[in-house]
């Protein structure tokens, strides 16, 4: 089954945008100075990139259906990823902070406005 040209173009643009987001996250991971800064870009990019790929998948698979129904089964992936990616990032940050406290290393500065 051939896809309409507008669908192919939209899916290609979305997948390229997702690739750019992930590439920028990789550059942030490479260039940022410490662990706590490096955690930030991949956490955001994995979620945003997954949202873009999910939307591309919905467009692609919805164009395959005969009656034009949306392919909503793809949302299960993004729901799981949207829950697990931030939780994993928070657990990694707390583990790194715990290790720094145990080693007696200097801790990162607190957030502005917090006491």
PDB file of N, CA and C in Angstrom:
ATOM      1  N   UNK A   1       0.849  -1.173   0.000  1.00  0.00           N
ATOM      2  CA  UNK A   1       0.000   0.000   0.000  1.00  0.00           C
ATOM      3  C   UNK A   1       0.897   1.240   0.000  1.00  0.00           C
ATOM      4  N   UNK A   2       0.675   2.124  -0.939  1.00  0.00           N
ATOM      5  CA  UNK A   2       1.455   3.352  -1.026  1.00  0.00           C
ATOM      6  C   UNK A   2       0.831   4.439  -0.172  1.00  0.00           C
ATOM      7  N   UNK A   3       1.680   5.233   0.433  1.00  0.00           N
ATOM      8  CA  UNK A   3       1.211   6.357   1.234  1.00  0.00           C
ATOM      9  C   UNK A   3       1.045   7.583   0.351  1.00  0.00           C
ATOM     10  N   UNK A   4       0.130   8.482   0.712  1.00  0.00           N
ATOM     11  CA  UNK A   4       0.036   9.746  -0.016  1.00  0.00           C
ATOM     12  C   UNK A   4       1.324  10.552   0.169  1.00  0.00           C
ATOM     13  N   UNK A   5       1.688  11.356  -0.805  1.00  0.00           N
ATOM     14  CA  UNK A   5       2.948  12.116  -0.698  1.00  0.00           C
ATOM     15  C   UNK A   5       3.008  13.044   0.512  1.00  0.00           C
ATOM     16  N   UNK A   6       1.872  13.660   0.880  1.00  0.00           N
ATOM     17  CA  UNK A   6       1.901  14.562   2.033  1.00  0.00           C
ATOM     18  C   UNK A   6       2.218  13.799   3.311  1.00  0.00           C
ATOM     19  N   UNK A   7       1.767  12.562   3.401  1.00  0.00           N
ATOM     20  CA  UNK A   7       2.049  11.750   4.579  1.00  0.00           C
ATOM     21  C   UNK A   7       3.524  11.386   4.641  1.00  0.00           C
ATOM     22  N   UNK A   8       4.073  10.999   3.514  1.00  0.00           N
ATOM     23  CA  UNK A   8       5.499  10.659   3.489  1.00  0.00           C
ATOM     24  C   UNK A   8       6.361  11.855   3.864  1.00  0.00           C
ATOM     25  N   UNK A   9       6.008  13.036   3.354  1.00  0.00           N
ATOM     26  CA  UNK A   9       6.786  14.243   3.657  1.00  0.00           C
ATOM     27  C   UNK A   9       6.662  14.604   5.131  1.00  0.00           C
ATOM     28  N   UNK A  10       5.438  14.553   5.663  1.00  0.00           N
ATOM     29  CA  UNK A  10       5.237  14.898   7.073  1.00  0.00           C
ATOM     30  C   UNK A  10       5.979  13.937   7.996  1.00  0.00           C
ATOM     31  N   UNK A  11       5.892  12.655   7.714  1.00  0.00           N
ATOM     32  CA  UNK A  11       6.591  11.661   8.537  1.00  0.00           C
ATOM     33  C   UNK A  11       8.100  11.859   8.445  1.00  0.00           C
ATOM     34  N   UNK A  12       8.607  12.133   7.256  1.00  0.00           N
ATOM     35  CA  UNK A  12      10.049  12.356   7.092  1.00  0.00           C
ATOM     36  C   UNK A  12      10.511  13.592   7.852  1.00  0.00           C
ATOM     37  N   UNK A  13       9.735  14.670   7.787  1.00  0.00           N
ATOM     38  CA  UNK A  13      10.103  15.900   8.505  1.00  0.00           C
ATOM     39  C   UNK A  13      10.080  15.667  10.011  1.00  0.00           C
ATOM     40  N   UNK A  14       9.072  14.960  10.493  1.00  0.00           N
ATOM     41  CA  UNK A  14       8.997  14.683  11.930  1.00  0.00           C
ATOM     42  C   UNK A  14      10.151  13.800  12.394  1.00  0.00           C
ATOM     43  N   UNK A  15      10.491  12.801  11.615  1.00  0.00           N
ATOM     44  CA  UNK A  15      11.605  11.933  11.997  1.00  0.00           C
ATOM     45  C   UNK A  15      12.933  12.682  11.952  1.00  0.00           C
ATOM     46  N   UNK A  16      13.104  13.564  10.980  1.00  0.00           N
ATOM     47  CA  UNK A  16      14.315  14.392  10.946  1.00  0.00           C
ATOM     48  C   UNK A  16      14.371  15.340  12.138  1.00  0.00           C
ATOM     49  N   UNK A  17      13.232  15.917  12.502  1.00  0.00           N
ATOM     50  CA  UNK A  17      13.197  16.803  13.671  1.00  0.00           C
ATOM     51  C   UNK A  17      13.558  16.039  14.938  1.00  0.00           C
ATOM     52  N   UNK A  18      13.066  14.834  15.056  1.00  0.00           N
ATOM     53  CA  UNK A  18      13.415  14.007  16.207  1.00  0.00           C
ATOM     54  C   UNK A  18      14.906  13.701  16.228  1.00  0.00           C
ATOM     55  N   UNK A  19      15.465  13.416  15.069  1.00  0.00           N
ATOM     56  CA  UNK A  19      16.906  13.170  14.985  1.00  0.00           C
ATOM     57  C   UNK A  19      17.721  14.386  15.381  1.00  0.00           C
ATOM     58  N   UNK A  20      17.263  15.577  14.991  1.00  0.00           N
ATOM     59  CA  UNK A  20      17.963  16.812  15.370  1.00  0.00           C
ATOM     60  C   UNK A  20      17.905  17.015  16.881  1.00  0.00           C
ATOM     61  N   UNK A  21      16.758  16.754  17.479  1.00  0.00           N
ATOM     62  CA  UNK A  21      16.621  16.899  18.937  1.00  0.00           C
ATOM     63  C   UNK A  21      17.580  15.953  19.652  1.00  0.00           C
ATOM     64  N   UNK A  22      17.648  14.723  19.208  1.00  0.00           N
ATOM     65  CA  UNK A  22      18.537  13.748  19.846  1.00  0.00           C
ATOM     66  C   UNK A  22      20.003  14.105  19.606  1.00  0.00           C
ATOM     67  N   UNK A  23      20.323  14.619  18.427  1.00  0.00           N
ATOM     68  CA  UNK A  23      21.690  15.058  18.146  1.00  0.00           C
ATOM     69  C   UNK A  23      22.093  16.221  19.054  1.00  0.00           C
ATOM     70  N   UNK A  24      21.193  17.174  19.252  1.00  0.00           N
ATOM     71  CA  UNK A  24      21.484  18.285  20.162  1.00  0.00           C
ATOM     72  C   UNK A  24      21.661  17.794  21.598  1.00  0.00           C
ATOM     73  N   UNK A  25      20.899  16.787  21.983  1.00  0.00           N
ATOM     74  CA  UNK A  25      21.073  16.214  23.319  1.00  0.00           C
ATOM     75  C   UNK A  25      22.426  15.545  23.450  1.00  0.00           C
ATOM     76  N   UNK A  26      22.856  14.866  22.406  1.00  0.00           N
ATOM     77  CA  UNK A  26      24.174  14.227  22.442  1.00  0.00           C
ATOM     78  C   UNK A  26      25.277  15.274  22.540  1.00  0.00           C
ATOM     79  N   UNK A  27      25.122  16.382  21.825  1.00  0.00           N
ATOM     80  CA  UNK A  27      26.103  17.466  21.935  1.00  0.00           C
ATOM     81  C   UNK A  27      26.111  18.064  23.338  1.00  0.00           C
ATOM     82  N   UNK A  28      24.928  18.222  23.928  1.00  0.00           N
ATOM     83  CA  UNK A  28      24.854  18.711  25.301  1.00  0.00           C
ATOM     84  C   UNK A  28      25.495  17.751  26.278  1.00  0.00           C
ATOM     85  N   UNK A  29      25.297  16.484  26.053  1.00  0.00           N
ATOM     86  CA  UNK A  29      25.916  15.467  26.903  1.00  0.00           C
ATOM     87  C   UNK A  29      27.427  15.509  26.791  1.00  0.00           C
ATOM     88  N   UNK A  30      27.910  15.794  25.619  1.00  0.00           N
ATOM     89  CA  UNK A  30      29.351  15.845  25.372  1.00  0.00           C
ATOM     90  C   UNK A  30      29.972  17.130  25.904  1.00  0.00           C
ATOM     91  N   UNK A  31      29.277  18.265  25.781  1.00  0.00           N
ATOM     92  CA  UNK A  31      29.877  19.558  26.078  1.00  0.00           C
ATOM     93  C   UNK A  31      29.654  20.060  27.508  1.00  0.00           C
ATOM     94  N   UNK A  32      28.632  19.641  28.175  1.00  0.00           N
ATOM     95  CA  UNK A  32      28.343  20.177  29.506  1.00  0.00           C
ATOM     96  C   UNK A  32      29.354  19.665  30.523  1.00  0.00           C
ATOM     97  N   UNK A  33      29.650  20.477  31.558  1.00  0.00           N
ATOM     98  CA  UNK A  33      30.811  20.207  32.405  1.00  0.00           C
ATOM     99  C   UNK A  33      30.665  19.088  33.437  1.00  0.00           C
ATOM    100  N   UNK A  34      29.527  18.976  34.103  1.00  0.00           N
ATOM    101  CA  UNK A  34      29.446  17.999  35.192  1.00  0.00           C
ATOM    102  C   UNK A  34      28.231  17.091  35.012  1.00  0.00           C
ATOM    103  N   UNK A  35      28.143  16.096  35.883  1.00  0.00           N
ATOM    104  CA  UNK A  35      27.104  15.076  35.766  1.00  0.00           C
ATOM    105  C   UNK A  35      25.708  15.674  35.842  1.00  0.00           C
ATOM    106  N   UNK A  36      25.499  16.595  36.767  1.00  0.00           N
ATOM    107  CA  UNK A  36      24.164  17.146  36.968  1.00  0.00           C
ATOM    108  C   UNK A  36      23.718  17.979  35.767  1.00  0.00           C
ATOM    109  N   UNK A  37      24.635  18.652  35.124  1.00  0.00           N
ATOM    110  CA  UNK A  37      24.299  19.387  33.897  1.00  0.00           C
ATOM    111  C   UNK A  37      24.084  18.433  32.733  1.00  0.00           C
ATOM    112  N   UNK A  38      24.887  17.405  32.663  1.00  0.00           N
ATOM    113  CA  UNK A  38      24.787  16.445  31.561  1.00  0.00           C
ATOM    114  C   UNK A  38      23.498  15.640  31.596  1.00  0.00           C
ATOM    115  N   UNK A  39      22.943  15.444  32.754  1.00  0.00           N
ATOM    116  CA  UNK A  39      21.704  14.689  32.876  1.00  0.00           C
ATOM    117  C   UNK A  39      20.533  15.398  32.215  1.00  0.00           C
ATOM    118  N   UNK A  40      20.589  16.712  32.214  1.00  0.00           N
ATOM    119  CA  UNK A  40      19.441  17.505  31.798  1.00  0.00           C
ATOM    120  C   UNK A  40      19.088  17.320  30.321  1.00  0.00           C
ATOM    121  N   UNK A  41      20.071  17.424  29.452  1.00  0.00           N
ATOM    122  CA  UNK A  41      19.749  17.394  28.017  1.00  0.00           C
ATOM    123  C   UNK A  41      19.246  16.036  27.522  1.00  0.00           C
ATOM    124  N   UNK A  42      19.838  14.914  27.907  1.00  0.00           N
ATOM    125  CA  UNK A  42      19.277  13.644  27.422  1.00  0.00           C
ATOM    126  C   UNK A  42      17.887  13.346  27.985  1.00  0.00           C
ATOM    127  N   UNK A  43      17.627  13.793  29.208  1.00  0.00           N
ATOM    128  CA  UNK A  43      16.307  13.537  29.786  1.00  0.00           C
ATOM    129  C   UNK A  43      15.224  14.269  29.006  1.00  0.00           C
ATOM    130  N   UNK A  44      15.487  15.530  28.697  1.00  0.00           N
ATOM    131  CA  UNK A  44      14.506  16.286  27.926  1.00  0.00           C
ATOM    132  C   UNK A  44      14.401  15.779  26.496  1.00  0.00           C
ATOM    133  N   UNK A  45      15.536  15.478  25.907  1.00  0.00           N
ATOM    134  CA  UNK A  45      15.531  15.066  24.500  1.00  0.00           C
ATOM    135  C   UNK A  45      14.890  13.702  24.301  1.00  0.00           C
ATOM    136  N   UNK A  46      15.070  12.808  25.251  1.00  0.00           N
ATOM    137  CA  UNK A  46      14.452  11.494  25.068  1.00  0.00           C
ATOM    138  C   UNK A  46      12.935  11.612  25.082  1.00  0.00           C
ATOM    139  N   UNK A  47      12.416  12.457  25.954  1.00  0.00           N
ATOM    140  CA  UNK A  47      10.973  12.631  26.009  1.00  0.00           C
ATOM    141  C   UNK A  47      10.459  13.378  24.780  1.00  0.00           C
ATOM    142  N   UNK A  48      11.105  14.493  24.431  1.00  0.00           N
ATOM    143  CA  UNK A  48      10.655  15.267  23.271  1.00  0.00           C
ATOM    144  C   UNK A  48      10.830  14.475  21.979  1.00  0.00           C
ATOM    145  N   UNK A  49      11.959  13.810  21.825  1.00  0.00           N
ATOM    146  CA  UNK A  49      12.178  12.997  20.633  1.00  0.00           C
ATOM    147  C   UNK A  49      11.161  11.878  20.515  1.00  0.00           C
ATOM    148  N   UNK A  50      10.815  11.279  21.636  1.00  0.00           N
ATOM    149  CA  UNK A  50       9.816  10.206  21.611  1.00  0.00           C
ATOM    150  C   UNK A  50       8.433  10.744  21.250  1.00  0.00           C
ATOM    151  N   UNK A  51       8.095  11.932  21.723  1.00  0.00           N
ATOM    152  CA  UNK A  51       6.817  12.542  21.353  1.00  0.00           C
ATOM    153  C   UNK A  51       6.752  12.783  19.852  1.00  0.00           C
ATOM    154  N   UNK A  52       7.845  13.282  19.278  1.00  0.00           N
ATOM    155  CA  UNK A  52       7.858  13.571  17.843  1.00  0.00           C
ATOM    156  C   UNK A  52       7.767  12.276  17.032  1.00  0.00           C
ATOM    157  N   UNK A  53       8.513  11.255  17.435  1.00  0.00           N
ATOM    158  CA  UNK A  53       8.455   9.968  16.730  1.00  0.00           C
ATOM    159  C   UNK A  53       7.068   9.342  16.880  1.00  0.00           C
ATOM    160  N   UNK A  54       6.457   9.494  18.045  1.00  0.00           N
ATOM    161  CA  UNK A  54       5.113   8.959  18.251  1.00  0.00           C
ATOM    162  C   UNK A  54       4.111   9.637  17.325  1.00  0.00           C
ATOM    163  N   UNK A  55       4.222  10.949  17.208  1.00  0.00           N
ATOM    164  CA  UNK A  55       3.320  11.653  16.301  1.00  0.00           C
ATOM    165  C   UNK A  55       3.540  11.202  14.857  1.00  0.00           C
ATOM    166  N   UNK A  56       4.802  11.016  14.474  1.00  0.00           N
ATOM    167  CA  UNK A  56       5.099  10.516  13.124  1.00  0.00           C
ATOM    168  C   UNK A  56       4.516   9.115  12.925  1.00  0.00           C
ATOM    169  N   UNK A  57       4.601   8.274  13.945  1.00  0.00           N
ATOM    170  CA  UNK A  57       4.042   6.918  13.848  1.00  0.00           C
ATOM    171  C   UNK A  57       2.525   6.952  13.725  1.00  0.00           C
ATOM    172  N   UNK A  58       1.895   7.856  14.466  1.00  0.00           N
ATOM    173  CA  UNK A  58       0.436   7.975  14.382  1.00  0.00           C
ATOM    174  C   UNK A  58       0.024   8.405  12.979  1.00  0.00           C
ATOM    175  N   UNK A  59       0.731   9.388  12.429  1.00  0.00           N
ATOM    176  CA  UNK A  59       0.416   9.830  11.064  1.00  0.00           C
ATOM    177  C   UNK A  59       0.634   8.688  10.071  1.00  0.00           C
ATOM    178  N   UNK A  60       1.743   7.989  10.212  1.00  0.00           N
ATOM    179  CA  UNK A  60       2.064   6.907   9.271  1.00  0.00           C
ATOM    180  C   UNK A  60       1.051   5.769   9.347  1.00  0.00           C
ATOM    181  N   UNK A  61       0.798   5.269  10.544  1.00  0.00           N
ATOM    182  CA  UNK A  61      -0.086   4.112  10.670  1.00  0.00           C
ATOM    183  C   UNK A  61      -1.549   4.475  10.479  1.00  0.00           C
ATOM    184  N   UNK A  62      -1.926   5.727  10.755  1.00  0.00           N
ATOM    185  CA  UNK A  62      -3.308   6.135  10.513  1.00  0.00           C
ATOM    186  C   UNK A  62      -3.605   6.225   9.025  1.00  0.00           C
ATOM    187  N   UNK A  63      -2.594   6.511   8.233  1.00  0.00           N
ATOM    188  CA  UNK A  63      -2.827   6.582   6.788  1.00  0.00           C
ATOM    189  C   UNK A  63      -2.954   5.184   6.169  1.00  0.00           C
ATOM    190  N   UNK A  64      -2.580   4.148   6.907  1.00  0.00           N
ATOM    191  CA  UNK A  64      -2.713   2.771   6.411  1.00  0.00           C
ATOM    192  C   UNK A  64      -4.116   2.207   6.621  1.00  0.00           C
ATOM    193  N   UNK A  65      -4.875   2.790   7.531  1.00  0.00           N
ATOM    194  CA  UNK A  65      -6.203   2.238   7.819  1.00  0.00           C
ATOM    195  C   UNK A  65      -7.173   2.612   6.708  1.00  0.00           C
ATOM    196  N   UNK A  66      -8.103   1.746   6.461  1.00  0.00           N
ATOM    197  CA  UNK A  66      -9.068   1.946   5.378  1.00  0.00           C
ATOM    198  C   UNK A  66     -10.061   3.061   5.708  1.00  0.00           C
ATOM    199  N   UNK A  67     -10.536   3.087   6.947  1.00  0.00           N
ATOM    200  CA  UNK A  67     -11.567   4.059   7.297  1.00  0.00           C
ATOM    201  C   UNK A  67     -10.996   5.347   7.879  1.00  0.00           C
ATOM    202  N   UNK A  68      -9.686   5.479   7.905  1.00  0.00           N
ATOM    203  CA  UNK A  68      -9.062   6.719   8.372  1.00  0.00           C
ATOM    204  C   UNK A  68      -9.028   6.869   9.885  1.00  0.00           C
ATOM    205  N   UNK A  69      -9.137   5.782  10.609  1.00  0.00           N
ATOM    206  CA  UNK A  69      -9.105   5.850  12.066  1.00  0.00           C
ATOM    207  C   UNK A  69      -7.680   6.116  12.544  1.00  0.00           C
ATOM    208  N   UNK A  70      -7.578   6.786  13.669  1.00  0.00           N
ATOM    209  CA  UNK A  70      -6.261   7.064  14.240  1.00  0.00           C
ATOM    210  C   UNK A  70      -5.668   5.802  14.853  1.00  0.00           C
ATOM    211  N   UNK A  71      -4.382   5.654  14.706  1.00  0.00           N
ATOM    212  CA  UNK A  71      -3.672   4.525  15.313  1.00  0.00           C
ATOM    213  C   UNK A  71      -3.250   4.941  16.717  1.00  0.00           C
ATOM    214  N   UNK A  72      -4.116   4.729  17.673  1.00  0.00           N
ATOM    215  CA  UNK A  72      -3.865   5.215  19.027  1.00  0.00           C
ATOM    216  C   UNK A  72      -3.079   4.238  19.886  1.00  0.00           C
ATOM    217  N   UNK A  73      -2.810   3.038  19.394  1.00  0.00           N
ATOM    218  CA  UNK A  73      -2.044   2.084  20.192  1.00  0.00           C
ATOM    219  C   UNK A  73      -0.615   2.565  20.412  1.00  0.00           C
ATOM    220  N   UNK A  74      -0.158   3.487  19.585  1.00  0.00           N
ATOM    221  CA  UNK A  74       1.198   4.017  19.714  1.00  0.00           C
ATOM    222  C   UNK A  74       1.325   4.881  20.974  1.00  0.00           C
ATOM    223  N   UNK A  75       0.214   5.412  21.453  1.00  0.00           N
ATOM    224  CA  UNK A  75       0.257   6.267  22.645  1.00  0.00           C
ATOM    225  C   UNK A  75       0.744   5.525  23.880  1.00  0.00           C
ATOM    226  N   UNK A  76       0.573   4.226  23.916  1.00  0.00           N
ATOM    227  CA  UNK A  76       1.049   3.451  25.065  1.00  0.00           C
ATOM    228  C   UNK A  76       2.550   3.624  25.253  1.00  0.00           C
ATOM    229  N   UNK A  77       3.287   3.681  24.164  1.00  0.00           N
ATOM    230  CA  UNK A  77       4.739   3.859  24.238  1.00  0.00           C
ATOM    231  C   UNK A  77       5.082   5.188  24.879  1.00  0.00           C
ATOM    232  N   UNK A  78       4.455   6.255  24.423  1.00  0.00           N
ATOM    233  CA  UNK A  78       4.794   7.581  24.926  1.00  0.00           C
ATOM    234  C   UNK A  78       4.328   7.773  26.366  1.00  0.00           C
ATOM    235  N   UNK A  79       3.240   7.148  26.745  1.00  0.00           N
ATOM    236  CA  UNK A  79       2.791   7.257  28.137  1.00  0.00           C
ATOM    237  C   UNK A  79       3.811   6.604  29.064  1.00  0.00           C
ATOM    238  N   UNK A  80       4.261   5.416  28.714  1.00  0.00           N
ATOM    239  CA  UNK A  80       5.263   4.734  29.539  1.00  0.00           C
ATOM    240  C   UNK A  80       6.565   5.522  29.577  1.00  0.00           C
ATOM    241  N   UNK A  81       7.010   6.012  28.434  1.00  0.00           N
ATOM    242  CA  UNK A  81       8.262   6.763  28.380  1.00  0.00           C
ATOM    243  C   UNK A  81       8.158   8.098  29.110  1.00  0.00           C
ATOM    244  N   UNK A  82       7.009   8.756  29.023  1.00  0.00           N
ATOM    245  CA  UNK A  82       6.840  10.036  29.712  1.00  0.00           C
ATOM    246  C   UNK A  82       6.836   9.878  31.225  1.00  0.00           C
ATOM    247  N   UNK A  83       6.496   8.712  31.692  1.00  0.00           N
ATOM    248  CA  UNK A  83       6.528   8.464  33.136  1.00  0.00           C
ATOM    249  C   UNK A  83       7.912   7.994  33.574  1.00  0.00           C
ATOM    250  N   UNK A  84       8.513   7.091  32.825  1.00  0.00           N
ATOM    251  CA  UNK A  84       9.763   6.488  33.285  1.00  0.00           C
ATOM    252  C   UNK A  84      10.993   7.356  33.073  1.00  0.00           C
ATOM    253  N   UNK A  85      11.051   8.158  32.015  1.00  0.00           N
ATOM    254  CA  UNK A  85      12.255   8.966  31.756  1.00  0.00           C
ATOM    255  C   UNK A  85      12.509  10.005  32.851  1.00  0.00           C
ATOM    256  N   UNK A  86      11.527  10.799  33.267  1.00  0.00           N
ATOM    257  CA  UNK A  86      11.799  11.751  34.352  1.00  0.00           C
ATOM    258  C   UNK A  86      12.088  11.071  35.692  1.00  0.00           C
ATOM    259  N   UNK A  87      11.409   9.967  35.951  1.00  0.00           N
ATOM    260  CA  UNK A  87      11.654   9.256  37.206  1.00  0.00           C
ATOM    261  C   UNK A  87      13.073   8.700  37.230  1.00  0.00           C
ATOM    262  N   UNK A  88      13.523   8.138  36.124  1.00  0.00           N
ATOM    263  CA  UNK A  88      14.888   7.619  36.041  1.00  0.00           C
ATOM    264  C   UNK A  88      15.912   8.727  36.222  1.00  0.00           C
ATOM    265  N   UNK A  89      15.662   9.877  35.617  1.00  0.00           N
ATOM    266  CA  UNK A  89      16.570  11.012  35.769  1.00  0.00           C
ATOM    267  C   UNK A  89      16.642  11.461  37.222  1.00  0.00           C
ATOM    268  N   UNK A  90      15.516  11.523  37.891  1.00  0.00           N
ATOM    269  CA  UNK A  90      15.498  11.932  39.295  1.00  0.00           C
ATOM    270  C   UNK A  90      16.230  10.922  40.172  1.00  0.00           C
ATOM    271  N   UNK A  91      16.043   9.642  39.914  1.00  0.00           N
ATOM    272  CA  UNK A  91      16.734   8.610  40.693  1.00  0.00           C
ATOM    273  C   UNK A  91      18.246   8.702  40.482  1.00  0.00           C
ATOM    274  N   UNK A  92      18.682   8.915  39.247  1.00  0.00           N
ATOM    275  CA  UNK A  92      20.115   9.073  38.978  1.00  0.00           C
ATOM    276  C   UNK A  92      20.681  10.305  39.678  1.00  0.00           C
ATOM    277  N   UNK A  93      19.942  11.402  39.670  1.00  0.00           N
ATOM    278  CA  UNK A  93      20.415  12.622  40.335  1.00  0.00           C
ATOM    279  C   UNK A  93      20.534  12.408  41.839  1.00  0.00           C
ATOM    280  N   UNK A  94      19.561  11.761  42.422  1.00  0.00           N
ATOM    281  CA  UNK A  94      19.630  11.511  43.871  1.00  0.00           C
ATOM    282  C   UNK A  94      20.759  10.555  44.231  1.00  0.00           C
ATOM    283  N   UNK A  95      20.986   9.558  43.390  1.00  0.00           N
ATOM    284  CA  UNK A  95      22.089   8.629  43.646  1.00  0.00           C
ATOM    285  C   UNK A  95      23.432   9.340  43.539  1.00  0.00           C
ATOM    286  N   UNK A  96      23.583  10.209  42.552  1.00  0.00           N
ATOM    287  CA  UNK A  96      24.836  10.957  42.405  1.00  0.00           C
ATOM    288  C   UNK A  96      25.038  11.914  43.571  1.00  0.00           C
ATOM    289  N   UNK A  97      23.973  12.557  44.012  1.00  0.00           N
ATOM    290  CA  UNK A  97      24.072  13.459  45.163  1.00  0.00           C
ATOM    291  C   UNK A  97      24.428  12.688  46.429  1.00  0.00           C
ATOM    292  N   UNK A  98      23.834  11.523  46.606  1.00  0.00           N
ATOM    293  CA  UNK A  98      24.149  10.681  47.763  1.00  0.00           C
ATOM    294  C   UNK A  98      25.621  10.266  47.756  1.00  0.00           C
ATOM    295  N   UNK A  99      26.121   9.867  46.585  1.00  0.00           N
ATOM    296  CA  UNK A  99      27.538   9.466  46.487  1.00  0.00           C
ATOM    297  C   UNK A  99      28.465  10.635  46.779  1.00  0.00           C
ATOM    298  N   UNK A 100      28.099  11.822  46.325  1.00  0.00           N
ATOM    299  CA  UNK A 100      28.936  12.995  46.613  1.00  0.00           C
ATOM    300  C   UNK A 100      28.942  13.309  48.105  1.00  0.00           C
ATOM    301  N   UNK A 101      27.788  13.195  48.734  1.00  0.00           N
ATOM    302  CA  UNK A 101      27.735  13.443  50.183  1.00  0.00           C
ATOM    303  C   UNK A 101      28.576  12.425  50.935  1.00  0.00           C
ATOM    304  N   UNK A 102      28.488  11.164  50.533  1.00  0.00           N
ATOM    305  CA  UNK A 102      29.255  10.116  51.199  1.00  0.00           C
ATOM    306  C   UNK A 102      30.750  10.312  51.017  1.00  0.00           C
ATOM    307  N   UNK A 103      31.160  10.797  49.853  1.00  0.00           N
ATOM    308  CA  UNK A 103      32.583  10.994  49.575  1.00  0.00           C
ATOM    309  C   UNK A 103      33.115  12.303  50.147  1.00  0.00           C
ATOM    310  N   UNK A 104      32.219  13.183  50.592  1.00  0.00           N
ATOM    311  CA  UNK A 104      32.649  14.472  51.122  1.00  0.00           C
ATOM    312  C   UNK A 104      33.005  15.480  50.042  1.00  0.00           C
ATOM    313  N   UNK A 105      32.620  15.208  48.798  1.00  0.00           N
ATOM    314  CA  UNK A 105      32.878  16.137  47.696  1.00  0.00           C
ATOM    315  C   UNK A 105      31.957  17.348  47.810  1.00  0.00           C
ATOM    316  N   UNK A 106      32.330  18.464  47.176  1.00  0.00           N
ATOM    317  CA  UNK A 106      31.451  19.635  47.211  1.00  0.00           C
ATOM    318  C   UNK A 106      30.146  19.354  46.462  1.00  0.00           C
ATOM    319  N   UNK A 107      29.069  19.827  47.024  1.00  0.00           N
ATOM    320  CA  UNK A 107      27.753  19.606  46.436  1.00  0.00           C
ATOM    321  C   UNK A 107      27.426  20.726  45.457  1.00  0.00           C
ATOM    322  N   UNK A 108      26.544  20.470  44.496  1.00  0.00           N
ATOM    323  CA  UNK A 108      26.132  21.544  43.592  1.00  0.00           C
ATOM    324  C   UNK A 108      25.378  22.617  44.374  1.00  0.00           C
ATOM    325  N   UNK A 109      25.404  23.869  43.903  1.00  0.00           N
ATOM    326  CA  UNK A 109      24.705  24.930  44.634  1.00  0.00           C
ATOM    327  C   UNK A 109      23.198  24.700  44.613  1.00  0.00           C
ATOM    328  N   UNK A 110      22.509  25.143  45.666  1.00  0.00           N
ATOM    329  CA  UNK A 110      21.053  24.968  45.691  1.00  0.00           C
ATOM    330  C   UNK A 110      20.387  25.877  44.656  1.00  0.00           C
ATOM    331  N   UNK A 111      19.138  25.582  44.369  1.00  0.00           N
ATOM    332  CA  UNK A 111      18.390  26.394  43.419  1.00  0.00           C
ATOM    333  C   UNK A 111      18.164  27.790  43.977  1.00  0.00           C
ATOM    334  N   UNK A 112      18.096  28.767  43.114  1.00  0.00           N
ATOM    335  CA  UNK A 112      17.862  30.147  43.546  1.00  0.00           C
ATOM    336  C   UNK A 112      16.472  30.257  44.154  1.00  0.00           C
ATOM    337  N   UNK A 113      16.370  30.966  45.258  1.00  0.00           N
ATOM    338  CA  UNK A 113      15.087  31.151  45.914  1.00  0.00           C
ATOM    339  C   UNK A 113      14.745  30.083  46.929  1.00  0.00           C
ATOM    340  N   UNK A 114      15.496  29.017  46.991  1.00  0.00           N
ATOM    341  CA  UNK A 114      15.249  27.963  47.982  1.00  0.00           C
ATOM    342  C   UNK A 114      16.166  28.169  49.166  1.00  0.00           C
ATOM    343  N   UNK A 115      15.707  27.822  50.319  1.00  0.00           N
ATOM    344  CA  UNK A 115      16.519  27.973  51.531  1.00  0.00           C
ATOM    345  C   UNK A 115      16.800  26.642  52.155  1.00  0.00           C
TER     346      UNK A 115
END
